[in-house]
PDB file of N, CA and C in Angstrom:
ATOM      1  N   MET A   1      19.551 -16.354   0.431  1.00  0.00           N
ATOM      2  CA  MET A   1      20.084 -15.001   0.818  1.00  0.00           C
ATOM      3  C   MET A   1      20.609 -14.788   2.249  1.00  0.00           C
ATOM      4  N   SER A   2      21.910 -14.236   2.505  1.00  0.00           N
ATOM      5  CA  SER A   2      22.103 -13.952   4.039  1.00  0.00           C
ATOM      6  C   SER A   2      21.789 -12.824   4.493  1.00  0.00           C
ATOM      7  N   ASP A   3      21.388 -13.000   5.971  1.00  0.00           N
ATOM      8  CA  ASP A   3      21.088 -11.136   6.225  1.00  0.00           C
ATOM      9  C   ASP A   3      21.579 -10.309   6.020  1.00  0.00           C
ATOM     10  N   GLU A   4      22.932 -10.466   6.019  1.00  0.00           N
ATOM     11  CA  GLU A   4      23.556  -9.246   5.641  1.00  0.00           C
ATOM     12  C   GLU A   4      22.868  -8.704   4.157  1.00  0.00           C
ATOM     13  N   THR A   5      23.677  -8.944   2.977  1.00  0.00           N
ATOM     14  CA  THR A   5      22.653  -9.045   1.950  1.00  0.00           C
ATOM     15  C   THR A   5      21.469  -8.689   2.194  1.00  0.00           C
ATOM     16  N   LYS A   6      20.574  -9.133   2.655  1.00  0.00           N
ATOM     17  CA  LYS A   6      19.487  -8.854   2.596  1.00  0.00           C
ATOM     18  C   LYS A   6      18.973  -7.366   3.262  1.00  0.00           C
ATOM     19  N   HIS A   7      20.017  -6.973   4.844  1.00  0.00           N
ATOM     20  CA  HIS A   7      20.057  -5.890   5.205  1.00  0.00           C
ATOM     21  C   HIS A   7      20.672  -4.349   4.471  1.00  0.00           C
ATOM     22  N   ASP A   8      21.820  -4.666   3.558  1.00  0.00           N
ATOM     23  CA  ASP A   8      22.454  -4.059   2.883  1.00  0.00           C
ATOM     24  C   ASP A   8      20.968  -3.098   1.873  1.00  0.00           C
ATOM     25  N   ARG A   9      19.711  -3.733   1.430  1.00  0.00           N
ATOM     26  CA  ARG A   9      18.718  -3.110   0.803  1.00  0.00           C
ATOM     27  C   ARG A   9      17.886  -2.552   1.605  1.00  0.00           C
ATOM     28  N   THR A  10      17.959  -2.202   2.717  1.00  0.00           N
ATOM     29  CA  THR A  10      16.742  -1.499   3.717  1.00  0.00           C
ATOM     30  C   THR A  10      16.783  -0.319   3.507  1.00  0.00           C
ATOM     31  N   VAL A  11      15.305  -0.061   3.153  1.00  0.00           N
ATOM     32  CA  VAL A  11      15.373   1.384   2.673  1.00  0.00           C
ATOM     33  C   VAL A  11      14.843   1.993   3.933  1.00  0.00           C
ATOM     34  N   TRP A  12      15.044   3.012   4.402  1.00  0.00           N
ATOM     35  CA  TRP A  12      14.796   4.272   5.500  1.00  0.00           C
ATOM     36  C   TRP A  12      13.922   5.089   4.998  1.00  0.00           C
ATOM     37  N   LEU A  13      12.666   4.929   5.929  1.00  0.00           N
ATOM     38  CA  LEU A  13      11.537   5.837   5.426  1.00  0.00           C
ATOM     39  C   LEU A  13      11.333   6.848   6.567  1.00  0.00           C
ATOM     40  N   GLU A  14      11.311   7.809   6.340  1.00  0.00           N
ATOM     41  CA  GLU A  14      10.549   8.823   7.190  1.00  0.00           C
ATOM     42  C   GLU A  14       8.948   8.984   7.974  1.00  0.00           C
ATOM     43  N   VAL A  15       9.091   8.794   9.165  1.00  0.00           N
ATOM     44  CA  VAL A  15       8.034   8.999  10.045  1.00  0.00           C
ATOM     45  C   VAL A  15       7.570  10.579   9.870  1.00  0.00           C
ATOM     46  N   VAL A  16       6.404  10.806   9.245  1.00  0.00           N
ATOM     47  CA  VAL A  16       5.873  12.174   9.444  1.00  0.00           C
ATOM     48  C   VAL A  16       4.331  12.182  10.378  1.00  0.00           C
ATOM     49  N   GLY A  17       4.639  13.548  10.903  1.00  0.00           N
ATOM     50  CA  GLY A  17       3.047  14.071  12.102  1.00  0.00           C
ATOM     51  C   GLY A  17       3.533  14.229  13.183  1.00  0.00           C
ATOM     52  N   ASP A  18       2.706  14.727  13.919  1.00  0.00           N
ATOM     53  CA  ASP A  18       3.278  15.165  15.123  1.00  0.00           C
ATOM     54  C   ASP A  18       1.790  14.581  16.464  1.00  0.00           C
ATOM     55  N   GLY A  19       1.818  15.629  17.349  1.00  0.00           N
ATOM     56  CA  GLY A  19       1.024  15.222  18.244  1.00  0.00           C
ATOM     57  C   GLY A  19      -0.458  15.343  18.028  1.00  0.00           C
ATOM     58  N   GLU A  20      -0.660  16.378  16.886  1.00  0.00           N
ATOM     59  CA  GLU A  20      -2.117  16.747  16.396  1.00  0.00           C
ATOM     60  C   GLU A  20      -2.369  15.940  15.001  1.00  0.00           C
ATOM     61  N   ALA A  21      -1.239  15.715  14.442  1.00  0.00           N
ATOM     62  CA  ALA A  21      -1.455  14.430  13.015  1.00  0.00           C
ATOM     63  C   ALA A  21      -1.357  13.288  13.286  1.00  0.00           C
ATOM     64  N   PRO A  22      -1.427  12.781  12.731  1.00  0.00           N
ATOM     65  CA  PRO A  22      -1.161  11.180  12.820  1.00  0.00           C
ATOM     66  C   PRO A  22       0.198  10.513  12.312  1.00  0.00           C
ATOM     67  N   HIS A  23       0.697   9.924  12.852  1.00  0.00           N
ATOM     68  CA  HIS A  23       1.509   9.428  12.389  1.00  0.00           C
ATOM     69  C   HIS A  23       1.696   8.645  11.116  1.00  0.00           C
ATOM     70  N   VAL A  24       2.513   8.852  10.013  1.00  0.00           N
ATOM     71  CA  VAL A  24       2.224   8.174   9.302  1.00  0.00           C
ATOM     72  C   VAL A  24       3.747   7.913   8.156  1.00  0.00           C
ATOM     73  N   VAL A  25       3.836   7.216   6.767  1.00  0.00           N
ATOM     74  CA  VAL A  25       4.645   6.668   6.738  1.00  0.00           C
ATOM     75  C   VAL A  25       4.551   6.582   4.741  1.00  0.00           C
ATOM     76  N   HIS A  26       5.013   7.010   4.140  1.00  0.00           N
ATOM     77  CA  HIS A  26       4.983   6.397   2.608  1.00  0.00           C
ATOM     78  C   HIS A  26       5.672   5.141   2.339  1.00  0.00           C
ATOM     79  N   CYS A  27       4.647   4.317   2.320  1.00  0.00           N
ATOM     80  CA  CYS A  27       5.279   3.188   1.880  1.00  0.00           C
ATOM     81  C   CYS A  27       5.252   3.022   0.017  1.00  0.00           C
ATOM     82  N   PRO A  28       6.459   2.249  -0.059  1.00  0.00           N
ATOM     83  CA  PRO A  28       7.064   2.535  -1.505  1.00  0.00           C
ATOM     84  C   PRO A  28       5.938   0.996  -2.193  1.00  0.00           C
ATOM     85  N   ARG A  29       5.637  -0.129  -1.165  1.00  0.00           N
ATOM     86  CA  ARG A  29       5.229  -1.055  -1.577  1.00  0.00           C
ATOM     87  C   ARG A  29       3.885  -0.901  -2.181  1.00  0.00           C
ATOM     88  N   LYS A  30       3.182  -0.522  -1.126  1.00  0.00           N
ATOM     89  CA  LYS A  30       2.230  -0.005  -1.756  1.00  0.00           C
ATOM     90  C   LYS A  30       1.902   1.705  -2.157  1.00  0.00           C
ATOM     91  N   GLU A  31       2.644   2.853  -2.681  1.00  0.00           N
ATOM     92  CA  GLU A  31       2.783   3.474  -3.237  1.00  0.00           C
ATOM     93  C   GLU A  31       1.726   4.413  -2.340  1.00  0.00           C
ATOM     94  N   ARG A  32       2.171   4.247  -1.164  1.00  0.00           N
ATOM     95  CA  ARG A  32       1.035   5.633  -0.672  1.00  0.00           C
ATOM     96  C   ARG A  32       1.358   5.482   0.839  1.00  0.00           C
ATOM     97  N   ASP A  33       0.552   6.660   1.452  1.00  0.00           N
ATOM     98  CA  ASP A  33       1.094   6.675   2.926  1.00  0.00           C
ATOM     99  C   ASP A  33      -0.036   6.007   3.778  1.00  0.00           C
ATOM    100  N   VAL A  34       0.706   5.395   4.745  1.00  0.00           N
ATOM    101  CA  VAL A  34       0.394   4.076   5.742  1.00  0.00           C
ATOM    102  C   VAL A  34       0.295   4.844   6.785  1.00  0.00           C
ATOM    103  N   PRO A  35      -0.919   4.786   7.603  1.00  0.00           N
ATOM    104  CA  PRO A  35      -0.541   4.576   9.538  1.00  0.00           C
ATOM    105  C   PRO A  35       0.996   4.038   9.813  1.00  0.00           C
ATOM    106  N   LEU A  36       1.688   4.862  10.830  1.00  0.00           N
ATOM    107  CA  LEU A  36       2.502   4.123  11.406  1.00  0.00           C
ATOM    108  C   LEU A  36       2.204   2.633  11.853  1.00  0.00           C
ATOM    109  N   SER A  37       0.961   2.711  12.454  1.00  0.00           N
ATOM    110  CA  SER A  37       1.208   1.569  13.513  1.00  0.00           C
ATOM    111  C   SER A  37       0.843   0.609  12.175  1.00  0.00           C
ATOM    112  N   GLU A  38       0.425   0.746  11.387  1.00  0.00           N
ATOM    113  CA  GLU A  38       0.428  -0.602  10.084  1.00  0.00           C
ATOM    114  C   GLU A  38       1.668  -0.874   9.580  1.00  0.00           C
ATOM    115  N   CYS A  39       2.301  -0.019   9.636  1.00  0.00           N
ATOM    116  CA  CYS A  39       4.187  -0.511   9.307  1.00  0.00           C
ATOM    117  C   CYS A  39       4.988  -1.292  10.249  1.00  0.00           C
ATOM    118  N   LEU A  40       4.222  -0.862  11.547  1.00  0.00           N
ATOM    119  CA  LEU A  40       5.209  -1.192  12.632  1.00  0.00           C
ATOM    120  C   LEU A  40       4.079  -2.916  12.685  1.00  0.00           C
ATOM    121  N   GLY A  41       3.602  -3.321  12.190  1.00  0.00           N
ATOM    122  CA  GLY A  41       2.907  -4.653  12.276  1.00  0.00           C
ATOM    123  C   GLY A  41       3.128  -5.464  11.289  1.00  0.00           C
ATOM    124  N   CYS A  42       3.604  -5.052  10.054  1.00  0.00           N
ATOM    125  CA  CYS A  42       4.204  -5.100   8.768  1.00  0.00           C
ATOM    126  C   CYS A  42       5.584  -6.366   8.664  1.00  0.00           C
ATOM    127  N   LYS A  43       5.633  -7.386   8.329  1.00  0.00           N
ATOM    128  CA  LYS A  43       6.970  -8.470   8.435  1.00  0.00           C
ATOM    129  C   LYS A  43       8.321  -7.558   7.821  1.00  0.00           C
ATOM    130  N   ARG A  44       8.233  -6.628   6.949  1.00  0.00           N
ATOM    131  CA  ARG A  44       9.186  -6.065   6.307  1.00  0.00           C
ATOM    132  C   ARG A  44       9.618  -5.061   7.340  1.00  0.00           C
ATOM    133  N   TYR A  45       9.108  -4.428   8.731  1.00  0.00           N
ATOM    134  CA  TYR A  45       9.595  -3.529   9.461  1.00  0.00           C
ATOM    135  C   TYR A  45      10.711  -3.731  10.626  1.00  0.00           C
ATOM    136  N   ARG A  46      11.910  -3.455  10.442  1.00  0.00           N
ATOM    137  CA  ARG A  46      12.652  -3.751  11.269  1.00  0.00           C
ATOM    138  C   ARG A  46      13.617  -3.335  12.836  1.00  0.00           C
ATOM    139  N   SER A  47      12.922  -1.844  12.738  1.00  0.00           N
ATOM    140  CA  SER A  47      13.205  -0.851  13.500  1.00  0.00           C
ATOM    141  C   SER A  47      13.313   0.648  13.403  1.00  0.00           C
ATOM    142  N   LEU A  48      13.311   1.472  14.253  1.00  0.00           N
ATOM    143  CA  LEU A  48      12.803   2.300  14.434  1.00  0.00           C
ATOM    144  C   LEU A  48      14.327   3.278  14.644  1.00  0.00           C
ATOM    145  N   ALA A  49      14.507   4.633  13.779  1.00  0.00           N
ATOM    146  CA  ALA A  49      15.712   5.302  14.255  1.00  0.00           C
ATOM    147  C   ALA A  49      15.844   6.968  14.705  1.00  0.00           C
ATOM    148  N   LEU A  50      16.016   7.682  15.646  1.00  0.00           N
ATOM    149  CA  LEU A  50      15.626   8.776  15.532  1.00  0.00           C
ATOM    150  C   LEU A  50      16.781   9.428  15.445  1.00  0.00           C
ATOM    151  N   VAL A  51      17.359  10.865  14.546  1.00  0.00           N
ATOM    152  CA  VAL A  51      18.262  11.266  14.301  1.00  0.00           C
ATOM    153  C   VAL A  51      18.274  11.791  15.435  1.00  0.00           C
ATOM    154  N   PRO A  52      19.800  12.087  15.718  1.00  0.00           N
ATOM    155  CA  PRO A  52      20.723  12.486  16.995  1.00  0.00           C
ATOM    156  C   PRO A  52      19.532  14.076  17.885  1.00  0.00           C
ATOM    157  N   ALA A  53      19.611  14.803  16.535  1.00  0.00           N
ATOM    158  CA  ALA A  53      18.816  16.146  16.776  1.00  0.00           C
ATOM    159  C   ALA A  53      17.608  15.835  17.408  1.00  0.00           C
ATOM    160  N   GLY A  54      16.858  14.763  17.672  1.00  0.00           N
ATOM    161  CA  GLY A  54      15.689  14.447  17.968  1.00  0.00           C
ATOM    162  C   GLY A  54      14.505  15.122  17.316  1.00  0.00           C
ATOM    163  N   ASN A  55      14.929  15.129  15.735  1.00  0.00           N
ATOM    164  CA  ASN A  55      13.510  16.118  15.137  1.00  0.00           C
ATOM    165  C   ASN A  55      12.996  15.224  13.893  1.00  0.00           C
ATOM    166  N   HIS A  56      13.834  13.982  13.698  1.00  0.00           N
ATOM    167  CA  HIS A  56      12.980  13.340  12.465  1.00  0.00           C
ATOM    168  C   HIS A  56      13.109  11.922  12.517  1.00  0.00           C
ATOM    169  N   VAL A  57      12.183  10.966  12.808  1.00  0.00           N
ATOM    170  CA  VAL A  57      12.122   9.422  13.409  1.00  0.00           C
ATOM    171  C   VAL A  57      12.226   8.673  11.860  1.00  0.00           C
ATOM    172  N   TYR A  58      13.097   7.386  11.817  1.00  0.00           N
ATOM    173  CA  TYR A  58      12.666   6.821  10.498  1.00  0.00           C
ATOM    174  C   TYR A  58      12.627   5.672  10.609  1.00  0.00           C
ATOM    175  N   LEU A  59      12.180   5.302   9.644  1.00  0.00           N
ATOM    176  CA  LEU A  59      11.497   3.415   9.906  1.00  0.00           C
ATOM    177  C   LEU A  59      12.334   2.842   8.896  1.00  0.00           C
ATOM    178  N   ASP A  60      13.145   1.470   9.337  1.00  0.00           N
ATOM    179  CA  ASP A  60      13.716   0.774   8.733  1.00  0.00           C
ATOM    180  C   ASP A  60      13.020  -0.570   7.799  1.00  0.00           C
ATOM    181  N   CYS A  61      12.894  -0.395   6.877  1.00  0.00           N
ATOM    182  CA  CYS A  61      11.694  -1.167   6.124  1.00  0.00           C
ATOM    183  C   CYS A  61      12.895  -2.095   5.370  1.00  0.00           C
ATOM    184  N   ASP A  62      12.740  -3.675   5.457  1.00  0.00           N
ATOM    185  CA  ASP A  62      12.958  -4.556   4.205  1.00  0.00           C
ATOM    186  C   ASP A  62      12.604  -4.517   3.044  1.00  0.00           C
ATOM    187  N   TRP A  63      11.606  -3.661   3.113  1.00  0.00           N
ATOM    188  CA  TRP A  63      10.825  -4.138   1.159  1.00  0.00           C
ATOM    189  C   TRP A  63      12.275  -3.625   0.001  1.00  0.00           C
ATOM    190  N   VAL A  64      12.473  -4.286  -0.444  1.00  0.00           N
ATOM    191  CA  VAL A  64      13.269  -4.869  -1.507  1.00  0.00           C
ATOM    192  C   VAL A  64      12.836  -4.453  -3.690  1.00  0.00           C
ATOM    193  N   GLY A  65      12.199  -3.828  -3.649  1.00  0.00           N
ATOM    194  CA  GLY A  65      11.590  -3.577  -4.818  1.00  0.00           C
ATOM    195  C   GLY A  65      10.364  -4.107  -5.195  1.00  0.00           C
ATOM    196  N   ALA A  66      10.119  -3.807  -6.719  1.00  0.00           N
ATOM    197  CA  ALA A  66       8.855  -4.092  -7.558  1.00  0.00           C
ATOM    198  C   ALA A  66       9.105  -5.960  -7.703  1.00  0.00           C
ATOM    199  N   ASP A  67      10.132  -6.428  -7.618  1.00  0.00           N
ATOM    200  CA  ASP A  67      10.500  -7.643  -7.904  1.00  0.00           C
ATOM    201  C   ASP A  67       9.605  -8.522  -6.934  1.00  0.00           C
ATOM    202  N   GLU A  68       9.578  -7.978  -5.745  1.00  0.00           N
ATOM    203  CA  GLU A  68       8.611  -8.654  -4.422  1.00  0.00           C
ATOM    204  C   GLU A  68       7.282  -8.485  -4.728  1.00  0.00           C
ATOM    205  N   VAL A  69       6.857  -7.212  -5.138  1.00  0.00           N
ATOM    206  CA  VAL A  69       5.530  -6.966  -5.786  1.00  0.00           C
ATOM    207  C   VAL A  69       5.195  -7.810  -6.521  1.00  0.00           C
ATOM    208  N   ARG A  70       5.544  -7.722  -7.522  1.00  0.00           N
ATOM    209  CA  ARG A  70       5.511  -8.987  -9.238  1.00  0.00           C
ATOM    210  C   ARG A  70       5.127 -10.454  -8.556  1.00  0.00           C
ATOM    211  N   SER A  71       6.360 -10.836  -7.122  1.00  0.00           N
ATOM    212  CA  SER A  71       5.898 -11.842  -6.878  1.00  0.00           C
ATOM    213  C   SER A  71       5.137 -12.343  -5.766  1.00  0.00           C
ATOM    214  N   GLY A  72       4.360 -11.729  -5.303  1.00  0.00           N
ATOM    215  CA  GLY A  72       3.003 -11.552  -4.202  1.00  0.00           C
ATOM    216  C   GLY A  72       3.436 -11.334  -3.068  1.00  0.00           C
ATOM    217  N   GLU A  73       4.673 -11.189  -2.720  1.00  0.00           N
ATOM    218  CA  GLU A  73       5.007 -11.249  -1.538  1.00  0.00           C
ATOM    219  C   GLU A  73       4.653  -9.866  -0.868  1.00  0.00           C
TER     220      GLU A  73
END
């Protein structure tokens, strides 16, 4: 699979939390919220993106769906 095709399947996940609450991301693979630090260490993590208004941060994830989970990746 080419990088271009793989990138087309990227999932943008919103980072939630503020200075008082830990930053978390809802992981579609684990089907639960996980600490942002866990996502940053995941092999599927690509980058972070900030909405120009500065009020939302998103994580660029290469998770490709249920087939990946079934294959054990």
